[in-house]
N, C-alpha and C. Protein backbone atom coordinates (compact mmCIF):
# COMPACT_ATOMS: atom_id res chain seq x y z
N MET A 1 -12.06 -37.26 16.62
CA MET A 1 -12.59 -36.09 17.45
C MET A 1 -12.77 -36.56 18.92
N PRO A 2 -12.35 -35.82 19.82
CA PRO A 2 -12.43 -36.12 21.23
C PRO A 2 -13.93 -36.15 21.66
N ARG A 3 -14.26 -36.91 22.80
CA ARG A 3 -15.64 -36.92 23.27
C ARG A 3 -15.91 -35.65 23.81
N THR A 4 -17.10 -35.09 23.34
CA THR A 4 -17.52 -33.67 23.77
C THR A 4 -18.56 -33.79 25.00
N THR A 5 -18.51 -32.89 25.91
CA THR A 5 -19.39 -32.83 26.98
C THR A 5 -19.79 -31.34 26.91
N ARG A 6 -20.88 -31.02 27.70
CA ARG A 6 -21.32 -29.71 27.79
C ARG A 6 -20.28 -28.73 28.24
N ARG A 7 -19.59 -29.19 29.27
CA ARG A 7 -18.39 -28.31 29.77
C ARG A 7 -17.37 -28.11 28.63
N SER A 8 -17.00 -29.15 27.93
CA SER A 8 -15.87 -29.07 26.85
C SER A 8 -16.35 -28.16 25.73
N VAL A 9 -17.62 -28.15 25.42
CA VAL A 9 -18.13 -27.34 24.42
C VAL A 9 -18.21 -25.94 24.76
N LYS A 10 -18.64 -25.70 26.19
CA LYS A 10 -18.63 -24.29 26.70
C LYS A 10 -17.17 -23.71 26.77
N GLN A 11 -16.15 -24.61 27.17
CA GLN A 11 -14.78 -24.27 27.20
C GLN A 11 -14.17 -23.85 25.76
N ARG A 12 -14.60 -24.77 24.80
CA ARG A 12 -14.12 -24.46 23.46
C ARG A 12 -14.65 -23.12 22.84
N LEU A 13 -15.94 -22.86 23.19
CA LEU A 13 -16.57 -21.59 22.72
C LEU A 13 -15.92 -20.38 23.46
N GLN A 14 -15.54 -20.63 24.72
CA GLN A 14 -14.66 -19.46 25.32
C GLN A 14 -13.37 -19.19 24.74
N TYR A 15 -12.72 -20.34 24.41
CA TYR A 15 -11.38 -20.24 23.76
C TYR A 15 -11.61 -19.51 22.45
N ILE A 16 -12.55 -19.90 21.61
CA ILE A 16 -12.79 -19.35 20.30
C ILE A 16 -13.04 -17.83 20.41
N GLN A 17 -13.89 -17.44 21.51
CA GLN A 17 -14.20 -16.02 21.83
C GLN A 17 -12.80 -15.30 22.05
N VAL A 18 -11.99 -15.85 22.83
CA VAL A 18 -10.83 -15.22 23.20
C VAL A 18 -9.88 -15.14 21.88
N ILE A 19 -9.85 -16.07 21.18
CA ILE A 19 -9.13 -15.98 19.85
C ILE A 19 -9.75 -14.90 18.93
N GLN A 20 -10.90 -14.90 18.75
CA GLN A 20 -11.50 -13.89 17.84
C GLN A 20 -11.26 -12.40 18.47
N ASP A 21 -11.37 -12.32 19.75
CA ASP A 21 -11.06 -10.97 20.38
C ASP A 21 -9.57 -10.54 20.23
N LEU A 22 -8.67 -11.54 20.37
CA LEU A 22 -7.25 -11.27 20.14
C LEU A 22 -7.04 -10.90 18.67
N GLN A 23 -7.60 -11.70 17.81
CA GLN A 23 -7.48 -11.37 16.30
C GLN A 23 -7.90 -9.99 15.97
N GLU A 24 -9.13 -9.56 16.59
CA GLU A 24 -9.55 -8.17 16.30
C GLU A 24 -8.67 -7.05 16.85
N GLU A 25 -8.03 -7.33 18.02
CA GLU A 25 -7.12 -6.34 18.75
C GLU A 25 -5.73 -6.41 17.81
N ILE A 26 -5.33 -7.46 17.27
CA ILE A 26 -4.19 -7.55 16.41
C ILE A 26 -4.48 -6.88 15.17
N LYS A 27 -5.68 -6.93 14.47
CA LYS A 27 -6.04 -6.28 13.39
C LYS A 27 -5.96 -4.83 13.58
N LEU A 28 -6.39 -4.25 14.74
CA LEU A 28 -6.33 -2.84 15.03
C LEU A 28 -4.92 -2.28 15.18
N LEU A 29 -4.13 -3.25 15.78
CA LEU A 29 -2.67 -2.95 16.10
C LEU A 29 -1.98 -2.84 14.75
N GLN A 30 -2.30 -3.84 13.71
CA GLN A 30 -1.70 -3.86 12.50
C GLN A 30 -2.00 -2.61 11.77
N ILE A 31 -3.31 -2.17 11.74
CA ILE A 31 -3.70 -0.93 11.05
C ILE A 31 -2.82 0.33 11.67
N SER A 32 -2.72 0.44 13.03
CA SER A 32 -1.97 1.41 13.58
C SER A 32 -0.55 1.29 13.15
N ASN A 33 0.03 0.24 13.05
CA ASN A 33 1.48 0.07 12.75
C ASN A 33 1.59 0.42 11.06
N GLU A 34 0.76 0.07 10.26
CA GLU A 34 0.80 0.45 8.96
C GLU A 34 0.84 2.11 8.97
N LYS A 35 -0.11 2.64 9.56
CA LYS A 35 -0.29 4.12 9.46
C LYS A 35 1.09 4.80 10.05
N LEU A 36 1.59 4.27 11.18
CA LEU A 36 2.84 4.77 11.81
C LEU A 36 4.07 4.61 10.86
N ASN A 37 3.94 3.70 9.82
CA ASN A 37 4.84 3.28 8.84
C ASN A 37 4.64 4.06 7.53
N GLY A 38 3.51 4.85 7.56
CA GLY A 38 3.23 5.64 6.47
C GLY A 38 2.46 4.90 5.28
N GLU A 39 1.79 3.83 5.72
CA GLU A 39 0.98 3.03 4.73
C GLU A 39 -0.43 3.06 5.03
N GLY A 40 -1.25 2.84 4.03
CA GLY A 40 -2.73 2.78 4.28
C GLY A 40 -3.25 4.22 4.76
N LEU A 41 -2.62 5.30 4.29
CA LEU A 41 -2.97 6.52 4.59
C LEU A 41 -4.24 7.19 3.90
N ASN A 42 -4.46 6.58 2.86
CA ASN A 42 -5.58 6.97 1.96
C ASN A 42 -6.89 7.06 2.72
N GLY A 43 -7.52 8.11 2.71
CA GLY A 43 -8.92 8.08 3.51
C GLY A 43 -8.79 8.89 4.74
N LEU A 44 -7.45 9.16 5.20
CA LEU A 44 -7.29 9.91 6.55
C LEU A 44 -7.51 11.43 6.13
N SER A 45 -8.19 12.02 7.10
CA SER A 45 -8.42 13.46 6.87
C SER A 45 -7.02 14.27 7.10
N TYR A 46 -7.12 15.56 6.75
CA TYR A 46 -5.84 16.51 6.97
C TYR A 46 -5.53 16.44 8.45
N THR A 47 -6.54 16.65 9.38
CA THR A 47 -6.37 16.60 10.74
C THR A 47 -5.72 15.36 11.29
N GLU A 48 -6.27 14.16 10.72
CA GLU A 48 -5.73 12.91 11.19
C GLU A 48 -4.22 12.81 10.79
N LEU A 49 -4.00 13.24 9.68
CA LEU A 49 -2.61 13.20 9.05
C LEU A 49 -1.73 13.99 9.91
N ALA A 50 -2.14 15.28 10.17
CA ALA A 50 -1.38 16.28 11.00
C ALA A 50 -1.08 15.59 12.34
N SER A 51 -2.08 15.00 13.00
CA SER A 51 -1.89 14.27 14.30
C SER A 51 -0.82 13.17 14.22
N LEU A 52 -0.96 12.36 13.13
CA LEU A 52 0.05 11.36 12.99
C LEU A 52 1.40 11.80 12.84
N GLU A 53 1.49 12.80 11.92
CA GLU A 53 2.82 13.40 11.74
C GLU A 53 3.41 14.06 12.93
N SER A 54 2.56 14.72 13.79
CA SER A 54 3.00 15.24 15.10
C SER A 54 3.54 14.14 16.02
N MET A 55 2.70 13.08 16.18
CA MET A 55 3.22 11.86 16.98
C MET A 55 4.48 11.32 16.54
N LEU A 56 4.67 11.16 15.15
CA LEU A 56 6.02 10.66 14.58
C LEU A 56 7.00 11.65 14.95
N LYS A 57 6.82 12.93 14.72
CA LYS A 57 7.97 14.00 15.04
C LYS A 57 8.25 13.88 16.42
N GLU A 58 7.46 13.72 17.41
CA GLU A 58 7.68 13.52 18.77
C GLU A 58 8.56 12.23 19.02
N GLY A 59 8.03 11.19 18.49
CA GLY A 59 8.76 10.03 18.55
C GLY A 59 10.14 9.96 17.99
N PHE A 60 10.27 10.68 16.89
CA PHE A 60 11.65 10.83 16.30
C PHE A 60 12.68 11.63 17.22
N ARG A 61 12.13 12.71 17.79
CA ARG A 61 12.81 13.47 18.72
C ARG A 61 13.45 12.64 19.87
N ILE A 62 12.55 11.87 20.44
CA ILE A 62 12.86 10.98 21.57
C ILE A 62 13.85 9.84 21.09
N VAL A 63 13.58 9.31 19.91
CA VAL A 63 14.43 8.21 19.51
C VAL A 63 15.72 8.85 19.15
N GLU A 64 15.81 9.93 18.66
CA GLU A 64 17.17 10.65 18.30
C GLU A 64 17.98 10.86 19.72
N GLU A 65 17.27 11.22 20.78
CA GLU A 65 17.94 11.44 21.95
C GLU A 65 18.57 10.19 22.48
N GLN A 66 17.62 9.17 22.36
CA GLN A 66 18.16 7.78 22.84
C GLN A 66 19.26 7.19 21.95
N THR A 67 19.22 7.58 20.64
CA THR A 67 20.24 7.08 19.52
C THR A 67 21.60 7.79 20.01
N ASP A 68 21.50 9.16 20.28
CA ASP A 68 22.75 9.80 20.80
C ASP A 68 23.32 9.04 21.97
N LYS A 69 22.52 8.84 23.00
CA LYS A 69 22.96 8.26 24.23
C LYS A 69 23.67 6.88 23.81
N ALA A 70 22.84 6.10 23.14
CA ALA A 70 23.38 4.67 22.67
C ALA A 70 24.67 4.74 21.94
N GLU A 71 24.88 5.88 21.10
CA GLU A 71 26.10 5.94 20.34
C GLU A 71 27.14 6.18 21.21
N GLN A 72 27.05 6.99 22.26
CA GLN A 72 28.14 7.41 23.18
C GLN A 72 28.53 6.00 23.91
N GLU A 73 27.55 5.19 24.22
CA GLU A 73 27.76 3.99 24.95
C GLU A 73 28.55 3.11 24.08
N LEU A 74 28.12 2.91 22.75
CA LEU A 74 28.66 1.98 21.81
C LEU A 74 30.19 2.52 21.58
N LEU A 75 30.45 3.70 21.53
CA LEU A 75 31.73 4.28 21.14
C LEU A 75 32.58 3.84 22.40
N LEU A 76 32.14 4.03 23.53
CA LEU A 76 33.05 3.59 24.71
C LEU A 76 33.31 2.11 24.66
N ARG A 77 32.29 1.28 24.40
CA ARG A 77 32.50 -0.16 24.27
C ARG A 77 33.35 -0.38 23.15
N GLU A 78 33.41 0.22 22.08
CA GLU A 78 34.24 -0.07 20.93
C GLU A 78 35.64 0.33 21.14
N ILE A 79 35.84 1.27 22.03
CA ILE A 79 37.29 1.55 22.46
C ILE A 79 37.84 0.40 23.24
N VAL A 80 37.13 -0.22 24.13
CA VAL A 80 37.49 -1.19 24.97
C VAL A 80 37.69 -2.48 24.05
N ASP A 81 36.63 -2.66 23.22
CA ASP A 81 36.75 -3.92 22.35
C ASP A 81 37.87 -3.81 21.40
N TYR A 82 38.18 -2.53 20.90
CA TYR A 82 39.24 -2.36 19.99
C TYR A 82 40.68 -2.81 20.74
N ASN A 83 40.79 -2.28 21.92
CA ASN A 83 41.93 -2.55 22.67
C ASN A 83 42.19 -3.98 23.07
N VAL A 84 40.98 -4.75 23.35
CA VAL A 84 41.06 -6.03 23.84
C VAL A 84 41.06 -6.97 22.65
N MET A 85 40.06 -6.93 21.60
CA MET A 85 40.00 -7.86 20.48
C MET A 85 40.53 -7.49 19.25
N GLY A 86 40.76 -6.27 19.06
CA GLY A 86 41.37 -5.77 17.80
C GLY A 86 40.36 -5.23 16.80
N ASN A 87 40.88 -4.57 15.70
CA ASN A 87 40.10 -3.88 14.74
C ASN A 87 39.27 -4.85 13.87
N GLU A 88 39.87 -5.98 13.41
CA GLU A 88 39.23 -6.93 12.66
C GLU A 88 37.90 -7.42 13.22
N TRP A 89 38.05 -7.86 14.56
CA TRP A 89 36.98 -8.42 15.29
C TRP A 89 35.89 -7.33 15.42
N LEU A 90 36.27 -6.03 15.78
CA LEU A 90 35.30 -4.89 15.90
C LEU A 90 34.52 -4.69 14.66
N GLU A 91 35.17 -4.70 13.53
CA GLU A 91 34.55 -4.41 12.27
C GLU A 91 33.52 -5.54 11.90
N LYS A 92 33.92 -6.81 12.13
CA LYS A 92 33.24 -7.96 11.89
C LYS A 92 31.84 -7.86 12.78
N THR A 93 32.03 -7.67 14.05
CA THR A 93 30.92 -7.51 14.92
C THR A 93 29.93 -6.37 14.39
N GLU A 94 30.54 -5.28 14.04
CA GLU A 94 29.67 -4.11 13.53
C GLU A 94 28.79 -4.51 12.45
N ASN A 95 29.52 -5.14 11.45
CA ASN A 95 29.00 -5.55 10.21
C ASN A 95 27.85 -6.66 10.52
N GLU A 96 28.05 -7.49 11.36
CA GLU A 96 27.06 -8.52 11.70
C GLU A 96 25.77 -7.86 12.22
N ASP A 97 26.12 -6.99 13.15
CA ASP A 97 24.93 -6.30 13.86
C ASP A 97 24.17 -5.58 12.94
N HIS A 98 24.87 -4.83 12.04
CA HIS A 98 24.21 -3.90 10.96
C HIS A 98 23.38 -4.89 10.12
N ALA A 99 23.91 -6.00 9.73
CA ALA A 99 23.14 -6.92 8.88
C ALA A 99 21.89 -7.48 9.46
N TYR A 100 22.10 -7.75 10.76
CA TYR A 100 21.02 -8.54 11.54
C TYR A 100 19.91 -7.35 11.69
N GLN A 101 20.16 -6.18 11.96
CA GLN A 101 19.05 -5.01 12.22
C GLN A 101 18.50 -4.80 10.89
N SER A 102 19.22 -4.87 9.74
CA SER A 102 18.63 -4.66 8.32
C SER A 102 17.61 -5.70 8.05
N LEU A 103 17.96 -7.07 8.40
CA LEU A 103 17.28 -8.18 8.29
C LEU A 103 15.88 -7.97 9.08
N LEU A 104 16.06 -7.65 10.39
CA LEU A 104 14.86 -7.49 11.10
C LEU A 104 13.83 -6.41 10.58
N ALA A 105 14.42 -5.37 10.01
CA ALA A 105 13.64 -4.28 9.52
C ALA A 105 12.89 -4.82 8.23
N ARG A 106 13.70 -5.60 7.35
CA ARG A 106 12.90 -6.26 6.22
C ARG A 106 11.89 -7.15 6.63
N ARG A 107 12.14 -7.96 7.60
CA ARG A 107 11.12 -8.97 8.07
C ARG A 107 9.90 -8.10 8.66
N ARG A 108 10.10 -7.12 9.41
CA ARG A 108 9.00 -6.28 9.85
C ARG A 108 8.05 -5.85 8.67
N THR A 109 8.85 -5.29 7.66
CA THR A 109 8.10 -4.84 6.52
C THR A 109 7.34 -6.00 5.80
N ALA A 110 7.97 -7.07 5.55
CA ALA A 110 7.31 -8.26 5.01
C ALA A 110 6.03 -8.74 5.73
N LEU A 111 6.25 -8.78 7.11
CA LEU A 111 5.17 -9.23 7.91
C LEU A 111 3.97 -8.24 7.88
N ARG A 112 4.25 -6.84 7.86
CA ARG A 112 3.22 -5.85 7.70
C ARG A 112 2.59 -6.03 6.46
N ASN A 113 3.34 -6.21 5.33
CA ASN A 113 2.69 -6.31 4.10
C ASN A 113 1.81 -7.59 3.97
N LYS A 114 2.29 -8.75 4.52
CA LYS A 114 1.58 -9.85 4.47
C LYS A 114 0.17 -9.80 5.18
N ALA A 115 0.40 -9.15 6.41
CA ALA A 115 -0.82 -9.09 7.42
C ALA A 115 -1.85 -8.22 6.61
N ARG A 116 -1.32 -7.25 6.01
CA ARG A 116 -2.30 -6.13 5.15
C ARG A 116 -3.02 -7.02 4.04
N GLU A 117 -2.21 -7.72 3.35
CA GLU A 117 -2.75 -8.56 2.27
C GLU A 117 -3.75 -9.71 2.81
N LEU A 118 -3.53 -10.24 3.87
CA LEU A 118 -4.45 -11.21 4.40
C LEU A 118 -5.79 -10.52 4.91
N ARG A 119 -5.52 -9.42 5.50
CA ARG A 119 -6.64 -8.66 6.08
C ARG A 119 -7.53 -8.09 4.97
N LEU A 120 -6.97 -7.54 3.89
CA LEU A 120 -7.79 -7.12 2.78
C LEU A 120 -8.28 -8.11 1.88
N CYS A 121 -7.75 -9.26 1.90
CA CYS A 121 -8.30 -10.29 0.92
C CYS A 121 -9.55 -11.02 1.56
N PRO A 122 -10.64 -11.10 0.73
CA PRO A 122 -11.79 -11.57 1.35
C PRO A 122 -11.59 -13.08 1.55
N GLN A 123 -12.12 -13.67 2.76
CA GLN A 123 -12.06 -15.02 2.97
C GLN A 123 -13.23 -15.72 2.45
N ASP A 124 -13.10 -16.71 1.69
CA ASP A 124 -14.19 -17.43 0.98
C ASP A 124 -14.77 -18.39 2.01
N THR A 125 -14.04 -18.96 3.05
CA THR A 125 -14.71 -19.89 3.89
C THR A 125 -14.31 -19.30 5.32
N PRO A 126 -15.31 -19.46 6.25
CA PRO A 126 -15.11 -19.16 7.55
C PRO A 126 -14.07 -19.81 8.40
N GLN A 127 -13.35 -19.17 9.19
CA GLN A 127 -12.20 -19.90 9.93
C GLN A 127 -12.70 -21.14 10.68
N VAL A 128 -11.95 -22.21 10.67
CA VAL A 128 -12.31 -23.34 11.34
C VAL A 128 -11.47 -23.49 12.64
N TYR A 129 -11.90 -23.76 13.71
CA TYR A 129 -11.25 -23.90 14.88
C TYR A 129 -11.11 -25.38 15.37
N SER A 130 -10.05 -25.68 15.82
CA SER A 130 -9.85 -27.05 16.49
C SER A 130 -10.72 -27.37 17.52
N TYR A 131 -10.94 -28.73 17.73
CA TYR A 131 -11.58 -29.31 18.88
C TYR A 131 -10.71 -29.43 20.05
N ASP A 132 -9.49 -29.58 19.91
CA ASP A 132 -8.40 -29.84 20.79
C ASP A 132 -8.12 -28.62 21.75
N PRO A 133 -8.45 -28.71 22.95
CA PRO A 133 -8.14 -27.48 23.81
C PRO A 133 -6.77 -27.03 23.94
N GLU A 134 -5.82 -28.10 23.84
CA GLU A 134 -4.43 -27.62 23.79
C GLU A 134 -3.94 -26.84 22.55
N THR A 135 -4.51 -27.21 21.34
CA THR A 135 -4.29 -26.59 20.12
C THR A 135 -4.88 -25.17 20.31
N LEU A 136 -6.13 -25.09 20.92
CA LEU A 136 -6.69 -23.62 20.98
C LEU A 136 -5.91 -22.80 22.01
N MET A 137 -5.37 -23.36 23.13
CA MET A 137 -4.64 -22.70 24.07
C MET A 137 -3.35 -22.09 23.30
N LEU A 138 -2.69 -22.94 22.54
CA LEU A 138 -1.56 -22.74 21.79
C LEU A 138 -1.63 -21.50 20.81
N THR A 139 -2.93 -21.58 20.20
CA THR A 139 -3.18 -20.43 19.30
C THR A 139 -3.47 -19.11 20.14
N ILE A 140 -4.09 -19.29 21.26
CA ILE A 140 -4.26 -17.99 22.15
C ILE A 140 -2.88 -17.51 22.45
N GLU A 141 -1.99 -18.36 23.01
CA GLU A 141 -0.62 -17.95 23.31
C GLU A 141 0.13 -17.18 22.20
N SER A 142 0.06 -17.82 21.02
CA SER A 142 0.83 -17.18 19.87
C SER A 142 0.13 -15.87 19.56
N LEU A 143 -1.23 -15.82 19.60
CA LEU A 143 -1.87 -14.57 19.27
C LEU A 143 -1.35 -13.44 20.35
N LYS A 144 -1.44 -13.86 21.62
CA LYS A 144 -0.87 -12.88 22.67
C LYS A 144 0.55 -12.41 22.35
N ILE A 145 1.35 -13.38 21.84
CA ILE A 145 2.83 -12.94 21.55
C ILE A 145 2.75 -11.92 20.51
N GLU A 146 1.94 -12.22 19.32
CA GLU A 146 1.88 -11.30 18.32
C GLU A 146 1.31 -9.92 18.64
N LYS A 147 0.28 -10.05 19.51
CA LYS A 147 -0.35 -8.67 19.95
C LYS A 147 0.72 -7.91 20.73
N GLU A 148 1.49 -8.45 21.55
CA GLU A 148 2.48 -7.92 22.34
C GLU A 148 3.72 -7.20 21.45
N ARG A 149 3.98 -8.10 20.37
CA ARG A 149 5.04 -7.72 19.47
C ARG A 149 4.65 -6.34 18.74
N LEU A 150 3.36 -6.42 18.34
CA LEU A 150 2.75 -5.22 17.56
C LEU A 150 2.67 -3.98 18.53
N ARG A 151 2.14 -4.26 19.69
CA ARG A 151 2.00 -3.12 20.62
C ARG A 151 3.35 -2.42 20.80
N LEU A 152 4.41 -3.18 21.05
CA LEU A 152 5.72 -2.73 21.44
C LEU A 152 6.18 -1.94 20.12
N LEU A 153 6.04 -2.52 18.90
CA LEU A 153 6.51 -1.87 17.73
C LEU A 153 5.81 -0.50 17.56
N ASN A 154 4.61 -0.35 17.85
CA ASN A 154 3.72 0.82 17.72
C ASN A 154 4.41 1.81 18.78
N GLN A 155 4.62 1.36 19.99
CA GLN A 155 4.99 2.31 21.06
C GLN A 155 6.41 2.81 20.72
N ARG A 156 7.35 1.98 20.19
CA ARG A 156 8.61 2.46 19.70
C ARG A 156 8.57 3.49 18.67
N MET A 157 7.61 3.27 17.68
CA MET A 157 7.48 4.19 16.65
C MET A 157 7.14 5.65 17.05
N ILE A 158 6.51 5.71 18.29
CA ILE A 158 6.28 7.06 18.90
C ILE A 158 7.12 7.29 20.05
N GLY A 159 8.38 6.70 20.16
CA GLY A 159 9.31 7.14 21.11
C GLY A 159 9.19 6.66 22.47
N LYS A 160 8.33 5.54 22.63
CA LYS A 160 8.16 4.95 24.09
C LYS A 160 8.61 3.55 23.98
N GLU A 161 8.94 3.03 25.22
CA GLU A 161 9.43 1.88 25.59
C GLU A 161 10.76 1.39 24.77
N LEU A 162 11.68 2.27 24.80
CA LEU A 162 12.84 2.18 24.20
C LEU A 162 14.00 1.57 24.86
N ASP A 163 13.93 1.21 26.22
CA ASP A 163 14.81 0.60 26.99
C ASP A 163 15.38 -0.63 26.41
N GLY A 164 16.72 -0.72 26.56
CA GLY A 164 17.29 -1.97 26.11
C GLY A 164 17.65 -2.01 24.66
N MET A 165 17.23 -0.95 23.84
CA MET A 165 17.60 -0.89 22.38
C MET A 165 19.00 -0.34 22.19
N GLY A 166 19.67 -0.93 21.38
CA GLY A 166 21.01 -0.75 21.04
C GLY A 166 21.00 0.40 19.85
N TYR A 167 22.30 0.89 19.59
CA TYR A 167 22.46 2.14 18.76
C TYR A 167 21.83 1.70 17.36
N LEU A 168 22.32 0.62 16.68
CA LEU A 168 21.72 0.39 15.37
C LEU A 168 20.27 -0.05 15.32
N GLU A 169 19.75 -0.57 16.35
CA GLU A 169 18.35 -0.80 16.36
C GLU A 169 17.51 0.58 16.47
N LEU A 170 18.01 1.35 17.36
CA LEU A 170 17.49 2.75 17.39
C LEU A 170 17.58 3.45 16.00
N LEU A 171 18.71 3.34 15.41
CA LEU A 171 18.90 3.98 14.02
C LEU A 171 17.84 3.60 13.05
N VAL A 172 17.77 2.22 13.08
CA VAL A 172 16.70 1.61 12.07
C VAL A 172 15.37 2.14 12.39
N PHE A 173 14.92 2.26 13.67
CA PHE A 173 13.63 2.82 14.02
C PHE A 173 13.54 4.25 13.66
N SER A 174 14.64 5.06 13.83
CA SER A 174 14.54 6.42 13.51
C SER A 174 14.32 6.61 11.92
N CYS A 175 14.91 5.76 11.23
CA CYS A 175 14.83 5.69 9.65
C CYS A 175 13.24 5.51 9.33
N ALA A 176 12.67 4.51 10.03
CA ALA A 176 11.30 4.12 9.80
C ALA A 176 10.38 5.19 10.24
N ILE A 177 10.72 5.92 11.24
CA ILE A 177 9.90 7.12 11.74
C ILE A 177 9.98 8.28 10.84
N VAL A 178 11.14 8.44 10.35
CA VAL A 178 11.26 9.52 9.30
C VAL A 178 10.47 9.13 8.05
N ASP A 179 10.62 7.96 7.52
CA ASP A 179 9.80 7.56 6.36
C ASP A 179 8.42 7.66 6.59
N GLY A 180 7.88 7.40 7.73
CA GLY A 180 6.43 7.46 8.14
C GLY A 180 6.06 8.89 8.11
N MET A 181 6.88 9.79 8.76
CA MET A 181 6.52 11.13 8.76
C MET A 181 6.57 11.80 7.36
N LEU A 182 7.51 11.41 6.40
CA LEU A 182 7.55 11.90 5.06
C LEU A 182 6.34 11.63 4.33
N LYS A 183 5.88 10.30 4.48
CA LYS A 183 4.71 9.86 3.85
C LYS A 183 3.32 10.46 4.37
N ALA A 184 3.29 10.73 5.61
CA ALA A 184 2.27 11.53 6.23
C ALA A 184 2.15 12.86 5.68
N GLY A 185 3.33 13.52 5.66
CA GLY A 185 3.45 14.96 5.12
C GLY A 185 3.09 14.99 3.63
N GLU A 186 3.44 13.91 2.80
CA GLU A 186 3.09 13.88 1.45
C GLU A 186 1.54 13.97 1.33
N GLU A 187 0.92 12.93 2.07
CA GLU A 187 -0.54 12.89 1.88
C GLU A 187 -1.18 14.19 2.37
N LYS A 188 -0.60 14.90 3.52
CA LYS A 188 -1.24 16.17 3.90
C LYS A 188 -1.14 17.20 2.68
N ASN A 189 0.11 17.18 2.03
CA ASN A 189 0.32 18.05 0.91
C ASN A 189 -0.72 17.79 -0.22
N LYS A 190 -0.98 16.49 -0.44
CA LYS A 190 -1.94 16.26 -1.55
C LYS A 190 -3.40 16.85 -1.24
N ILE A 191 -3.71 16.69 0.07
CA ILE A 191 -4.96 17.33 0.43
C ILE A 191 -4.93 18.81 0.46
N LYS A 192 -3.84 19.41 0.84
CA LYS A 192 -3.60 20.82 0.78
C LYS A 192 -3.80 21.26 -0.74
N ARG A 193 -3.18 20.54 -1.63
CA ARG A 193 -3.18 20.92 -3.06
C ARG A 193 -4.59 20.78 -3.58
N ALA A 194 -5.27 19.65 -3.23
CA ALA A 194 -6.63 19.48 -3.77
C ALA A 194 -7.54 20.65 -3.26
N ARG A 195 -7.30 21.11 -2.00
CA ARG A 195 -8.19 22.28 -1.52
C ARG A 195 -7.86 23.51 -2.35
N LEU A 196 -6.60 23.69 -2.57
CA LEU A 196 -6.36 24.89 -3.39
C LEU A 196 -6.99 24.85 -4.78
N VAL A 197 -6.95 23.73 -5.44
CA VAL A 197 -7.49 23.47 -6.80
C VAL A 197 -8.92 23.66 -6.67
N LEU A 198 -9.50 23.08 -5.61
CA LEU A 198 -10.99 23.22 -5.48
C LEU A 198 -11.43 24.69 -5.24
N GLY A 199 -10.56 25.31 -4.41
CA GLY A 199 -10.91 26.69 -3.97
C GLY A 199 -10.66 27.62 -5.25
N SER A 200 -9.85 27.30 -6.11
CA SER A 200 -9.60 28.24 -7.28
C SER A 200 -10.55 28.05 -8.39
N THR A 201 -11.46 27.12 -8.26
CA THR A 201 -12.25 26.85 -9.41
C THR A 201 -13.71 27.38 -9.21
């Protein structure tokens, strides 16, 4: 363990506070991401579900517009690629891109599920933080990256910050948005049916 001074202890405590703040922000972003993907909706009110569904519908509309534009751009590129590289190369490239986007979607789902599992699982021991300032700074940087990744995913689910996304990436996001909308609608209908049953008794 390195030699500690009053200054190094104070700096370590500041780093730990930043880490804890980032972890809390990430936790909130994870919960938002789950809800946008139609998970963890139990306990939401009818109004909250309707608001979520409305945000997702607007996001879907915007993503669909972007998807149409990206499809036109892709078709123009494919015409050129077909003429220059040939049909085999074009099909191979399309298949690779589709496989890659599918892999990314599965990874996002796996990360979301693991994050939820870790968040909901009670921790028996408190988190232990390093005494090495470099290790603490690396932890802070990795948490900042994760925070930005989640923020961007959440923004894209509601149709924002779509610049630079290709056709297949937009298509995958539109499917995720539709899935979230359907699940929010199902939860809304459960509440509606429960109200009808309670109202008729």
